[in-house]
């Protein structure tokens, strides 16, 4: 009973594999009938008309598909084959039928080996033969009943291909058209970007809403089809399933195991990805600038035009370009205690580099952004010590040795932001032009002390005697967001109208824990928002602006 069960189980497995276009072999000696009908290496399958067919190929094992054209049917056909991984060989064989027997259509369901031995087909000719990994098409015709056989072979490794047959040449083309000149032109190269342009596809001109361009960028080589690129990306993370998960594997030989694993693998690698290949679909534009590239690196660029209705695509002729060496930023000597203003115009990513040599063991860098963020990297004698984003005002104190060399590199945190900043370095920390300021530059308001015509605020001070100036600005409801986004931390009271000034006062406390001051702002309008600012003005005249705050008076009291 065990042998009979194994036989029928093997038969069921192989029948299911045949439905997916796969071939089966066995190292178990079955009957001649079983071997001929279910393990026949020449078994060929019908190629459907009007849809793409995925064909899985095992290394060095030919795969055959066939289709027929009847005498009174359409005389034209087109075949397009897309290799999805490695170069393959494929041919189209034409079998001309005998006039006496061509009507016996039931015979077309015999195995291909049987068909070759019959007298139904008097002549055989090779219409087309190709070897390579390009997408190739063949258009043929036949005025009488014929059998066409497609043979596929991969000699490198197991792979899969896509085959498309259509007998409706007027309306059955899945694939978009390429222009007469399908080259991609490189128009500009920098150290971190490459600009490309290509002639538009005739299909994109005719039906813009259904056609888009997809761009592939990688450092290895060009791809001749989206199918090939997709396979390369997915296979980078392929994981073979455990053999134990297939109970029938103990009865199958090596060829069968490869076949089963290949089919399973194509589902698994669908879920994996690889950042070595970048894909961007850009709609109907026929030009694009690829940015964020590495300097002094060769990249390969491919453009595919995709039919969104059918998901079919064709490739332009790929190109390549090498990015330029990144220009070394100009290094400016930073003098002790000197404040330097920086301008970021937002049009390009500007980088500032400053070198400072310490005259004491302790060094203090003071950095201030006027709005937005700034990326700061500080290294000592070539070793990176600080790398962070800074917003507002910040002191960074570092310890080292006398005559240590520091390099500070400053970049805008947001490339498109038009802003400015300040930097100062000093080994005389106690004589810094920047005033000492508390750890928090926030303004606090007290909700319980808020009335219809007054607001009470508080802020932290320092141990040094400094002057603090308070300003207020009345805002409309629709002005709050705009005013807060336009706050410039580098601007001082001189930029404010006198009508916005509330008061200026001196304040300090030796005990830092008690260095807190409060102020009541009166004569305000009810149910109204006010922008509040506090400025700390040090002995040298350099100021520190606290973080702006919006407070609204009560509507009813």
Protein backbone atom coordinates (compact mmCIF):
# COMPACT_ATOMS: atom_id res chain seq x y z
CA UNK A 1 0.00 0.00 0.00
CA UNK A 2 2.88 2.38 0.83
CA UNK A 3 4.28 2.02 -2.73
CA UNK A 4 0.89 2.74 -4.34
CA UNK A 5 0.41 5.80 -2.12
CA UNK A 6 3.89 7.14 -3.00
CA UNK A 7 3.20 6.57 -6.73
CA UNK A 8 -0.07 8.55 -6.74
CA UNK A 9 1.44 11.28 -4.56
CA UNK A 10 4.38 11.66 -6.98
CA UNK A 11 1.98 11.73 -9.90
CA UNK A 12 -0.15 14.48 -8.29
CA UNK A 13 2.92 16.60 -7.51
CA UNK A 14 4.26 16.35 -11.04
CA UNK A 15 0.88 17.11 -12.61
CA UNK A 16 0.66 20.32 -10.53
CA UNK A 17 4.17 21.29 -11.63
CA UNK A 18 3.27 20.81 -15.27
CA UNK A 19 0.42 23.30 -14.88
CA UNK A 20 3.05 25.94 -13.99
CA UNK A 21 5.21 25.16 -16.98
CA UNK A 22 7.83 23.12 -15.06
CA UNK A 23 9.41 19.75 -15.97
CA UNK A 24 9.80 16.79 -13.65
CA UNK A 25 12.35 13.99 -13.40
CA UNK A 26 12.62 11.06 -11.04
CA UNK A 27 15.36 8.74 -9.84
CA UNK A 28 12.68 6.17 -8.99
CA UNK A 29 12.30 3.71 -11.91
CA UNK A 30 8.59 4.13 -12.80
CA UNK A 31 6.75 2.38 -15.61
CA UNK A 32 7.40 3.41 -19.24
CA UNK A 33 3.94 4.95 -19.44
CA UNK A 34 4.57 7.05 -16.30
CA UNK A 35 7.99 8.23 -17.52
CA UNK A 36 6.73 9.07 -21.03
CA UNK A 37 3.71 11.11 -19.98
CA UNK A 38 4.86 12.82 -16.78
CA UNK A 39 8.67 12.94 -16.89
CA UNK A 40 9.09 13.58 -20.62
CA UNK A 41 11.83 16.23 -21.06
CA UNK A 42 10.40 17.14 -24.46
CA UNK A 43 6.89 17.76 -23.21
CA UNK A 44 5.75 21.06 -24.73
CA UNK A 45 3.01 23.42 -23.59
CA UNK A 46 0.52 25.60 -25.43
CA UNK A 47 1.54 29.27 -25.55
CA UNK A 48 -1.54 31.43 -24.85
CA UNK A 49 -2.43 34.26 -27.21
CA UNK A 50 -2.75 37.82 -25.93
CA UNK A 51 -1.11 37.63 -22.49
CA UNK A 52 2.36 37.44 -21.01
CA UNK A 53 3.59 34.04 -19.87
CA UNK A 54 6.33 33.57 -17.26
CA UNK A 55 8.59 30.65 -18.18
CA UNK A 56 10.96 29.09 -15.63
CA UNK A 57 14.11 27.55 -17.09
CA UNK A 58 16.47 25.06 -15.46
CA UNK A 59 20.12 25.17 -16.43
CA UNK A 60 20.95 23.18 -19.61
CA UNK A 61 17.39 21.84 -19.96
CA UNK A 62 15.45 23.04 -23.00
CA UNK A 63 11.86 24.19 -22.57
CA UNK A 64 9.36 24.18 -25.46
CA UNK A 65 6.07 25.96 -26.08
CA UNK A 66 3.96 25.84 -29.23
CA UNK A 67 1.04 27.53 -30.93
CA UNK A 68 -0.83 26.95 -34.19
CA UNK A 69 -2.24 29.13 -36.94
CA UNK A 70 -5.22 27.77 -38.86
CA UNK A 71 -5.54 28.32 -42.58
CA UNK A 72 -8.53 30.66 -42.40
CA UNK A 73 -7.46 32.54 -39.26
CA UNK A 74 -5.24 35.63 -38.94
CA UNK A 75 -1.98 35.09 -40.84
CA UNK A 76 0.20 37.35 -38.68
CA UNK A 77 1.72 36.93 -35.24
CA UNK A 78 4.26 38.66 -32.99
CA UNK A 79 6.45 37.15 -30.25
CA UNK A 80 8.38 39.16 -27.64
CA UNK A 81 10.80 37.46 -25.24
CA UNK A 82 12.22 39.25 -22.18
CA UNK A 83 15.13 37.58 -20.32
CA UNK A 84 14.90 38.38 -16.61
CA UNK A 85 18.35 37.46 -15.38
CA UNK A 86 21.02 35.84 -17.55
CA UNK A 87 21.49 35.48 -21.35
CA UNK A 88 19.39 32.73 -22.92
CA UNK A 89 19.04 31.04 -26.31
CA UNK A 90 15.71 30.85 -28.02
CA UNK A 91 14.44 29.81 -31.44
CA UNK A 92 11.20 29.72 -33.44
CA UNK A 93 10.67 26.54 -35.45
CA UNK A 94 8.03 26.40 -38.20
CA UNK A 95 6.32 23.07 -39.00
CA UNK A 96 4.25 23.12 -42.19
CA UNK A 97 1.23 20.77 -42.07
CA UNK A 98 0.14 18.22 -44.68
CA UNK A 99 -2.99 19.26 -46.62
CA UNK A 100 -4.47 15.82 -46.08
CA UNK A 101 -4.18 15.72 -42.31
CA UNK A 102 -3.95 19.28 -40.96
CA UNK A 103 -7.64 19.30 -39.91
CA UNK A 104 -7.02 16.63 -37.24
CA UNK A 105 -6.64 19.28 -34.58
CA UNK A 106 -6.94 16.81 -31.73
CA UNK A 107 -3.43 15.63 -32.55
CA UNK A 108 -1.95 18.98 -31.48
CA UNK A 109 -2.41 17.88 -27.88
CA UNK A 110 0.08 15.04 -28.34
CA UNK A 111 3.55 15.46 -26.87
CA UNK A 112 6.03 17.30 -29.02
CA UNK A 113 8.21 14.18 -29.36
CA UNK A 114 5.22 12.38 -30.90
CA UNK A 115 4.47 15.26 -33.24
CA UNK A 116 7.99 15.17 -34.66
CA UNK A 117 7.64 11.51 -35.66
CA UNK A 118 4.30 11.90 -37.47
CA UNK A 119 3.86 12.66 -41.15
CA UNK A 120 1.51 15.54 -40.50
CA UNK A 121 4.36 18.06 -40.89
CA UNK A 122 6.32 17.75 -44.12
CA UNK A 123 8.91 20.55 -43.66
CA UNK A 124 10.58 22.20 -40.68
CA UNK A 125 12.45 25.52 -40.79
CA UNK A 126 14.08 27.79 -38.19
CA UNK A 127 12.47 31.20 -38.51
CA UNK A 128 14.48 32.94 -35.79
CA UNK A 129 17.35 32.25 -33.43
CA UNK A 130 18.78 34.55 -30.74
CA UNK A 131 21.31 34.32 -27.92
CA UNK A 132 21.70 37.11 -25.37
CA UNK A 133 19.89 39.05 -22.64
CA UNK A 134 18.19 41.78 -24.70
CA UNK A 135 14.44 42.04 -25.20
CA UNK A 136 13.79 40.72 -28.70
CA UNK A 137 10.66 40.59 -30.87
CA UNK A 138 9.78 38.65 -34.00
CA UNK A 139 6.88 39.32 -36.36
CA UNK A 140 5.91 36.45 -38.67
CA UNK A 141 3.21 35.33 -41.07
CA UNK A 142 1.77 32.10 -42.45
CA UNK A 143 -0.74 31.64 -45.27
CA UNK A 144 -1.68 28.07 -44.35
CA UNK A 145 -2.14 25.84 -41.33
CA UNK A 146 1.12 25.69 -39.38
CA UNK A 147 2.63 24.66 -36.09
CA UNK A 148 5.18 26.99 -34.44
CA UNK A 149 7.46 25.73 -31.69
CA UNK A 150 9.48 27.99 -29.37
CA UNK A 151 12.59 26.49 -27.76
CA UNK A 152 14.21 28.17 -24.75
CA UNK A 153 17.53 27.26 -23.13
CA UNK A 154 19.61 28.73 -20.28
CA UNK A 155 23.21 27.53 -20.08
CA UNK A 156 24.34 29.72 -17.15
CA UNK A 157 21.89 28.99 -14.33
CA UNK A 158 18.24 28.55 -13.43
CA UNK A 159 16.30 31.63 -14.46
CA UNK A 160 12.94 32.86 -15.68
CA UNK A 161 11.79 34.79 -18.74
CA UNK A 162 8.65 36.51 -19.98
CA UNK A 163 7.05 35.50 -23.33
CA UNK A 164 4.27 37.40 -25.09
CA UNK A 165 2.41 36.11 -28.16
CA UNK A 166 -0.25 38.06 -30.02
CA UNK A 167 -2.05 37.46 -33.32
CA UNK A 168 -3.76 40.88 -33.15
CA UNK A 169 -1.02 43.17 -34.44
CA UNK A 170 -3.36 46.15 -34.75
CA UNK A 171 -4.55 46.25 -31.12
CA UNK A 172 -2.72 43.52 -29.24
CA UNK A 173 0.61 45.20 -28.48
CA UNK A 174 1.19 45.39 -24.75
CA UNK A 175 4.47 47.28 -25.03
CA UNK A 176 5.01 51.05 -25.36
CA UNK A 177 6.97 52.40 -28.33
CA UNK A 178 10.54 53.67 -28.24
CA UNK A 179 11.61 56.76 -30.22
CA UNK A 180 13.77 56.34 -33.31
CA UNK A 181 16.77 57.40 -31.23
CA UNK A 182 16.39 55.64 -27.84
CA UNK A 183 19.62 56.97 -26.30
CA UNK A 184 19.87 58.68 -22.90
CA UNK A 185 21.99 61.85 -22.96
CA UNK A 186 23.97 63.11 -19.97
CA UNK A 187 23.66 66.91 -19.87
CA UNK A 188 25.41 67.78 -16.60
CA UNK A 189 27.66 66.08 -14.06
CA UNK A 190 28.70 67.38 -10.63
CA UNK A 191 30.26 65.75 -7.59
CA UNK A 192 26.87 64.58 -6.28
CA UNK A 193 24.39 64.72 -9.16
CA UNK A 194 23.88 63.78 -12.82
CA UNK A 195 21.31 65.36 -15.17
CA UNK A 196 19.75 63.21 -17.89
CA UNK A 197 17.46 63.79 -20.88
CA UNK A 198 15.93 61.43 -23.47
CA UNK A 199 13.58 61.74 -26.43
CA UNK A 200 9.90 61.15 -25.57
CA UNK A 201 8.23 57.86 -26.38
CA UNK A 202 5.58 58.09 -29.14
CA UNK A 203 3.27 56.20 -26.76
CA UNK A 204 3.73 58.91 -24.12
CA UNK A 205 2.74 61.56 -26.66
CA UNK A 206 -0.41 59.66 -27.68
CA UNK A 207 -1.67 58.61 -24.23
CA UNK A 208 0.01 60.65 -21.50
CA UNK A 209 -2.20 59.42 -18.67
CA UNK A 210 -1.32 55.74 -19.28
CA UNK A 211 2.45 56.03 -19.82
CA UNK A 212 5.22 56.92 -17.38
CA UNK A 213 9.02 56.78 -17.26
CA UNK A 214 10.94 54.89 -14.59
CA UNK A 215 14.62 55.50 -13.92
CA UNK A 216 17.09 53.00 -12.47
CA UNK A 217 20.45 54.00 -10.97
CA UNK A 218 23.14 51.59 -9.78
CA UNK A 219 26.92 51.22 -9.54
CA UNK A 220 27.30 47.84 -11.31
CA UNK A 221 25.95 47.78 -14.87
CA UNK A 222 23.04 48.65 -17.13
CA UNK A 223 19.87 46.56 -17.21
CA UNK A 224 18.12 45.75 -20.47
CA UNK A 225 14.69 45.28 -18.91
CA UNK A 226 12.77 46.12 -15.75
CA UNK A 227 12.37 42.38 -15.29
CA UNK A 228 16.17 41.95 -15.16
CA UNK A 229 16.60 44.83 -12.72
CA UNK A 230 13.80 43.55 -10.51
CA UNK A 231 15.39 40.10 -10.37
CA UNK A 232 18.78 41.55 -9.42
CA UNK A 233 17.30 43.66 -6.63
CA UNK A 234 15.24 40.85 -5.16
CA UNK A 235 17.86 38.12 -5.44
CA UNK A 236 20.18 40.12 -3.19
CA UNK A 237 18.06 39.01 -0.25
CA UNK A 238 17.05 35.53 -1.43
CA UNK A 239 16.58 32.88 1.24
CA UNK A 240 16.27 29.22 0.36
CA UNK A 241 13.50 27.37 2.24
CA UNK A 242 14.39 24.42 4.42
CA UNK A 243 14.26 21.08 2.55
CA UNK A 244 12.33 19.57 5.46
CA UNK A 245 9.33 21.73 4.59
CA UNK A 246 8.81 19.65 1.43
CA UNK A 247 7.98 16.04 2.47
CA UNK A 248 8.20 14.80 -1.13
CA UNK A 249 11.83 15.93 -1.60
CA UNK A 250 13.22 12.62 -0.39
CA UNK A 251 11.73 11.00 -3.54
CA UNK A 252 13.07 13.60 -6.01
CA UNK A 253 16.47 13.96 -7.65
CA UNK A 254 18.59 17.15 -7.91
CA UNK A 255 16.78 18.54 -10.95
CA UNK A 256 13.42 18.27 -9.24
CA UNK A 257 14.73 19.96 -6.07
CA UNK A 258 16.05 22.89 -8.06
CA UNK A 259 12.74 23.20 -9.83
CA UNK A 260 10.73 23.28 -6.58
CA UNK A 261 13.08 25.72 -4.87
CA UNK A 262 13.13 27.99 -7.89
CA UNK A 263 9.36 28.38 -7.90
CA UNK A 264 9.24 29.03 -4.16
CA UNK A 265 12.21 31.38 -4.33
CA UNK A 266 10.54 33.71 -6.80
CA UNK A 267 7.84 34.42 -4.24
CA UNK A 268 10.33 35.00 -1.43
CA UNK A 269 12.66 37.36 -3.23
CA UNK A 270 9.65 39.50 -4.10
CA UNK A 271 9.68 40.69 -0.48
CA UNK A 272 13.37 41.58 -0.22
CA UNK A 273 15.17 44.73 -1.35
CA UNK A 274 18.59 46.16 -1.99
CA UNK A 275 19.63 49.80 -1.82
CA UNK A 276 22.35 49.25 -4.44
CA UNK A 277 19.71 49.95 -7.09
CA UNK A 278 17.58 53.08 -6.91
CA UNK A 279 14.29 53.21 -8.80
CA UNK A 280 12.31 56.39 -9.43
CA UNK A 281 9.14 56.70 -11.49
CA UNK A 282 8.80 60.30 -12.64
CA UNK A 283 5.58 60.46 -14.61
CA UNK A 284 5.69 61.94 -18.12
CA UNK A 285 8.87 64.06 -17.80
CA UNK A 286 11.66 63.13 -20.22
CA UNK A 287 14.44 64.71 -18.16
CA UNK A 288 15.63 64.19 -14.60
CA UNK A 289 18.47 65.13 -12.26
CA UNK A 290 19.62 62.31 -9.99
CA UNK A 291 20.96 63.81 -6.76
CA UNK A 292 22.53 62.56 -3.52
CA UNK A 293 25.17 60.56 -5.36
CA UNK A 294 28.65 59.73 -4.09
CA UNK A 295 31.53 61.75 -5.50
CA UNK A 296 34.12 60.21 -7.84
CA UNK A 297 31.86 57.18 -8.48
CA UNK A 298 30.67 55.65 -11.75
CA UNK A 299 26.91 55.17 -12.00
CA UNK A 300 24.80 53.39 -14.62
CA UNK A 301 21.46 54.89 -15.68
CA UNK A 302 18.52 53.13 -17.33
CA UNK A 303 15.20 54.59 -18.43
CA UNK A 304 12.12 52.44 -19.01
CA UNK A 305 8.83 53.55 -20.51
CA UNK A 306 5.97 51.72 -18.78
CA UNK A 307 2.39 51.14 -19.91
CA UNK A 308 0.39 51.56 -16.68
CA UNK A 309 -2.59 49.62 -18.08
CA UNK A 310 -0.63 46.49 -19.00
CA UNK A 311 2.45 46.91 -16.76
CA UNK A 312 4.60 46.13 -19.82
CA UNK A 313 7.79 48.15 -20.37
CA UNK A 314 10.60 48.72 -22.85
CA UNK A 315 14.10 50.01 -22.17
CA UNK A 316 15.97 52.95 -23.61
CA UNK A 317 19.65 52.39 -24.38
CA UNK A 318 21.38 52.70 -20.99
CA UNK A 319 24.21 55.11 -20.28
CA UNK A 320 26.75 55.77 -17.54
CA UNK A 321 28.60 58.71 -15.99
CA UNK A 322 31.21 59.25 -13.31
CA UNK A 323 30.60 61.93 -10.71
CA UNK A 324 33.31 64.51 -10.11
CA UNK A 325 35.64 64.71 -7.15
CA UNK A 326 34.09 66.68 -4.31
CA UNK A 327 35.77 70.08 -4.13
CA UNK A 328 37.67 70.65 -0.94
CA UNK A 329 35.99 73.37 1.10
CA UNK A 330 37.95 76.52 1.72
CA UNK A 331 39.25 76.53 5.31
CA UNK A 332 39.11 79.89 7.11
CA UNK A 333 41.30 80.64 10.13
CA UNK A 334 39.14 81.42 13.16
CA UNK A 335 40.75 84.03 15.40
CA UNK A 336 40.27 83.83 19.15
CA UNK A 337 37.11 85.60 20.29
CA UNK A 338 36.14 86.90 16.85
CA UNK A 339 32.50 86.51 15.84
CA UNK A 340 31.93 85.51 12.21
CA UNK A 341 28.59 85.84 10.43
CA UNK A 342 27.54 83.05 8.04
CA UNK A 343 25.04 83.33 5.17
CA UNK A 344 23.09 80.38 3.70
CA UNK A 345 21.17 81.50 0.62
CA UNK A 346 19.14 78.31 0.19
CA UNK A 347 20.05 77.99 -3.53
CA UNK A 348 22.82 75.45 -3.01
CA UNK A 349 24.31 73.48 -0.15
CA UNK A 350 27.01 75.80 1.12
CA UNK A 351 29.63 74.48 3.53
CA UNK A 352 31.80 76.57 5.85
CA UNK A 353 35.05 75.20 7.31
CA UNK A 354 36.93 76.95 10.11
CA UNK A 355 40.27 76.06 11.70
CA UNK A 356 41.08 77.14 15.24
CA UNK A 357 44.27 76.57 17.26
CA UNK A 358 43.85 76.44 21.03
CA UNK A 359 45.96 78.65 23.30
CA UNK A 360 44.64 76.95 26.45
CA UNK A 361 43.47 73.44 27.39
CA UNK A 362 39.79 74.44 27.32
CA UNK A 363 38.11 75.74 24.18
CA UNK A 364 34.58 77.04 23.84
CA UNK A 365 32.69 77.19 20.54
CA UNK A 366 29.60 79.42 20.55
CA UNK A 367 27.13 78.87 17.70
CA UNK A 368 23.87 80.61 16.95
CA UNK A 369 21.35 80.05 14.16
CA UNK A 370 19.07 82.89 13.22
CA UNK A 371 16.26 80.48 12.23
CA UNK A 372 16.02 76.85 11.32
CA UNK A 373 18.80 74.35 12.05
CA UNK A 374 22.52 74.11 11.37
CA UNK A 375 24.55 70.91 11.16
CA UNK A 376 27.82 71.18 13.08
CA UNK A 377 30.83 68.85 13.01
CA UNK A 378 33.87 69.63 15.17
CA UNK A 379 37.04 67.52 15.06
CA UNK A 380 40.31 67.80 16.99
CA UNK A 381 43.55 66.77 15.31
CA UNK A 382 41.52 64.80 12.75
CA UNK A 383 39.29 62.99 15.29
CA UNK A 384 35.56 63.78 15.19
CA UNK A 385 34.27 65.01 18.57
CA UNK A 386 30.91 66.65 17.80
CA UNK A 387 28.31 65.95 15.11
CA UNK A 388 24.83 67.31 15.72
CA UNK A 389 22.10 69.68 14.64
CA UNK A 390 21.91 73.00 16.49
CA UNK A 391 18.95 75.34 16.71
CA UNK A 392 19.15 78.69 18.45
CA UNK A 393 22.15 79.45 20.68
CA UNK A 394 24.62 76.88 21.96
CA UNK A 395 27.96 76.80 23.87
CA UNK A 396 30.17 73.74 23.24
CA UNK A 397 33.13 73.38 25.62
CA UNK A 398 35.93 70.94 24.72
CA UNK A 399 39.06 69.89 26.59
CA UNK A 400 42.42 69.12 25.04
CA UNK A 401 46.02 70.23 25.00
CA UNK A 402 47.76 73.50 24.28
CA UNK A 403 48.08 74.14 20.50
CA UNK A 404 45.50 71.48 19.56
CA UNK A 405 43.98 72.14 16.14
CA UNK A 406 40.19 72.15 15.79
CA UNK A 407 38.21 72.02 12.54
CA UNK A 408 34.57 73.16 12.57
CA UNK A 409 32.40 72.32 9.51
CA UNK A 410 29.00 74.02 9.29
CA UNK A 411 26.16 73.14 6.91
CA UNK A 412 22.51 74.25 6.79
CA UNK A 413 20.20 71.68 8.38
CA UNK A 414 17.58 72.42 5.72
CA UNK A 415 19.16 72.94 2.26
CA UNK A 416 16.42 75.23 0.93
CA UNK A 417 16.33 77.50 3.97
CA UNK A 418 17.55 81.06 3.51
CA UNK A 419 19.16 81.82 6.85
CA UNK A 420 22.25 83.08 8.63
CA UNK A 421 24.27 82.03 11.66
CA UNK A 422 27.16 83.08 13.88
CA UNK A 423 30.24 81.25 15.19
CA UNK A 424 32.87 82.16 17.76
CA UNK A 425 35.75 80.17 19.27
CA UNK A 426 37.75 81.19 22.32
CA UNK A 427 40.29 79.73 24.72
CA UNK A 428 39.59 82.61 27.15
CA UNK A 429 36.21 81.37 28.27
CA UNK A 430 35.88 83.91 31.08
CA UNK A 431 36.45 86.75 28.57
CA UNK A 432 34.05 85.54 25.87
CA UNK A 433 32.27 88.28 23.94
CA UNK A 434 29.12 86.18 24.03
CA UNK A 435 27.38 86.71 27.35
CA UNK A 436 26.83 83.74 29.60
CA UNK A 437 23.22 82.58 29.40
CA UNK A 438 21.10 80.04 31.29
CA UNK A 439 20.54 76.48 30.17
CA UNK A 440 16.98 77.31 29.11
CA UNK A 441 16.08 80.28 26.93
CA UNK A 442 12.34 79.65 27.17
CA UNK A 443 9.83 82.26 28.28
CA UNK A 444 7.25 80.92 30.74
CA UNK A 445 3.73 82.34 31.10
CA UNK A 446 1.45 81.72 34.09
CA UNK A 447 -2.07 80.68 33.14
CA UNK A 448 -3.49 81.47 36.60
CA UNK A 449 -2.11 85.02 36.41
CA UNK A 450 -3.47 85.61 32.88
CA UNK A 451 -6.39 88.09 32.77
CA UNK A 452 -8.37 89.95 30.14
CA UNK A 453 -5.85 92.82 30.07
CA UNK A 454 -2.58 91.42 31.51
CA UNK A 455 -0.05 88.59 31.13
CA UNK A 456 2.65 87.55 33.61
CA UNK A 457 5.85 85.98 32.27
CA UNK A 458 9.13 84.70 33.75
CA UNK A 459 12.59 83.81 32.43
CA UNK A 460 15.91 82.60 33.78
CA UNK A 461 18.86 84.94 34.30
CA UNK A 462 22.57 84.46 35.08
CA UNK A 463 25.13 85.24 37.79
CA UNK A 464 26.41 88.17 35.72
CA UNK A 465 24.67 91.51 35.69
CA UNK A 466 23.02 91.88 32.28
CA UNK A 467 20.29 94.03 30.82
CA UNK A 468 17.02 92.39 29.75
CA UNK A 469 14.59 94.06 27.35
CA UNK A 470 10.99 92.90 26.90
CA UNK A 471 8.99 93.48 23.68
CA UNK A 472 5.42 92.63 22.71
CA UNK A 473 3.56 92.64 19.40
CA UNK A 474 -0.17 92.41 18.90
CA UNK A 475 -1.18 89.68 16.41
CA UNK A 476 -4.27 88.82 14.43
CA UNK A 477 -5.38 85.16 14.53
CA UNK A 478 -4.12 84.51 10.98
CA UNK A 479 -0.71 86.08 11.72
CA UNK A 480 0.47 83.75 14.48
CA UNK A 481 2.02 81.01 12.34
CA UNK A 482 3.61 83.46 9.87
CA UNK A 483 5.18 85.58 12.59
CA UNK A 484 6.55 82.59 14.48
CA UNK A 485 8.13 81.15 11.31
CA UNK A 486 9.80 84.50 10.53
CA UNK A 487 11.46 84.94 13.92
CA UNK A 488 15.15 85.82 13.46
CA UNK A 489 17.18 84.95 16.56
CA UNK A 490 20.10 87.08 15.36
CA UNK A 491 18.14 90.33 15.12
CA UNK A 492 18.06 92.62 18.15
CA UNK A 493 15.78 95.30 19.61
CA UNK A 494 17.03 97.78 17.00
CA UNK A 495 14.89 95.93 14.43
CA UNK A 496 11.73 96.47 16.49
CA UNK A 497 9.55 99.65 16.47
CA UNK A 498 9.62 101.64 19.72
CA UNK A 499 5.89 101.07 20.18
CA UNK A 500 6.59 97.34 20.82
CA UNK A 501 9.02 97.99 23.69
CA UNK A 502 7.68 97.23 27.16
CA UNK A 503 10.71 97.80 29.41
CA UNK A 504 14.45 97.18 29.93
CA UNK A 505 15.92 96.24 33.32
CA UNK A 506 19.11 94.88 34.88
CA UNK A 507 19.05 91.63 36.78
CA UNK A 508 21.39 88.95 38.19
CA UNK A 509 21.71 86.60 41.17
CA UNK A 510 24.81 84.93 42.59
CA UNK A 511 22.73 81.83 43.33
CA UNK A 512 21.91 80.37 39.90
CA UNK A 513 18.95 78.47 41.34
CA UNK A 514 17.31 81.78 42.27
CA UNK A 515 18.23 83.68 39.09
CA UNK A 516 14.63 83.97 37.95
CA UNK A 517 12.75 87.17 37.22
CA UNK A 518 9.08 87.84 36.44
CA UNK A 519 7.27 90.70 34.76
CA UNK A 520 3.61 91.67 34.48
CA UNK A 521 2.55 93.13 31.13
CA UNK A 522 -0.58 95.26 31.50
CA UNK A 523 -2.84 97.51 29.40
CA UNK A 524 -3.56 94.68 26.94
CA UNK A 525 -6.71 94.00 24.92
CA UNK A 526 -8.95 91.09 25.86
CA UNK A 527 -9.10 87.92 23.74
CA UNK A 528 -5.99 89.02 21.82
CA UNK A 529 -2.76 87.17 20.95
CA UNK A 530 0.62 88.81 21.67
CA UNK A 531 4.09 87.86 20.46
CA UNK A 532 6.47 88.20 23.44
CA UNK A 533 10.29 88.49 23.21
CA UNK A 534 13.06 88.88 25.78
CA UNK A 535 16.58 90.05 24.82
CA UNK A 536 19.66 89.53 27.02
CA UNK A 537 22.26 92.21 26.23
CA UNK A 538 25.76 91.51 27.56
CA UNK A 539 28.49 94.00 28.57
CA UNK A 540 30.11 93.75 25.11
CA UNK A 541 26.84 94.60 23.38
CA UNK A 542 26.34 91.08 21.99
CA UNK A 543 22.77 89.98 22.60
CA UNK A 544 20.96 86.69 23.15
CA UNK A 545 17.31 86.41 22.13
CA UNK A 546 15.08 84.11 24.14
CA UNK A 547 12.66 81.84 22.31
CA UNK A 548 9.62 83.84 21.18
CA UNK A 549 6.29 83.00 22.78
CA UNK A 550 2.67 83.74 21.83
CA UNK A 551 0.17 84.26 24.69
CA UNK A 552 -3.51 85.16 24.40
CA UNK A 553 -5.42 87.22 26.97
CA UNK A 554 -8.65 85.88 28.40
CA UNK A 555 -11.95 86.45 26.62
CA UNK A 556 -13.99 86.84 29.81
CA UNK A 557 -12.93 87.66 33.33
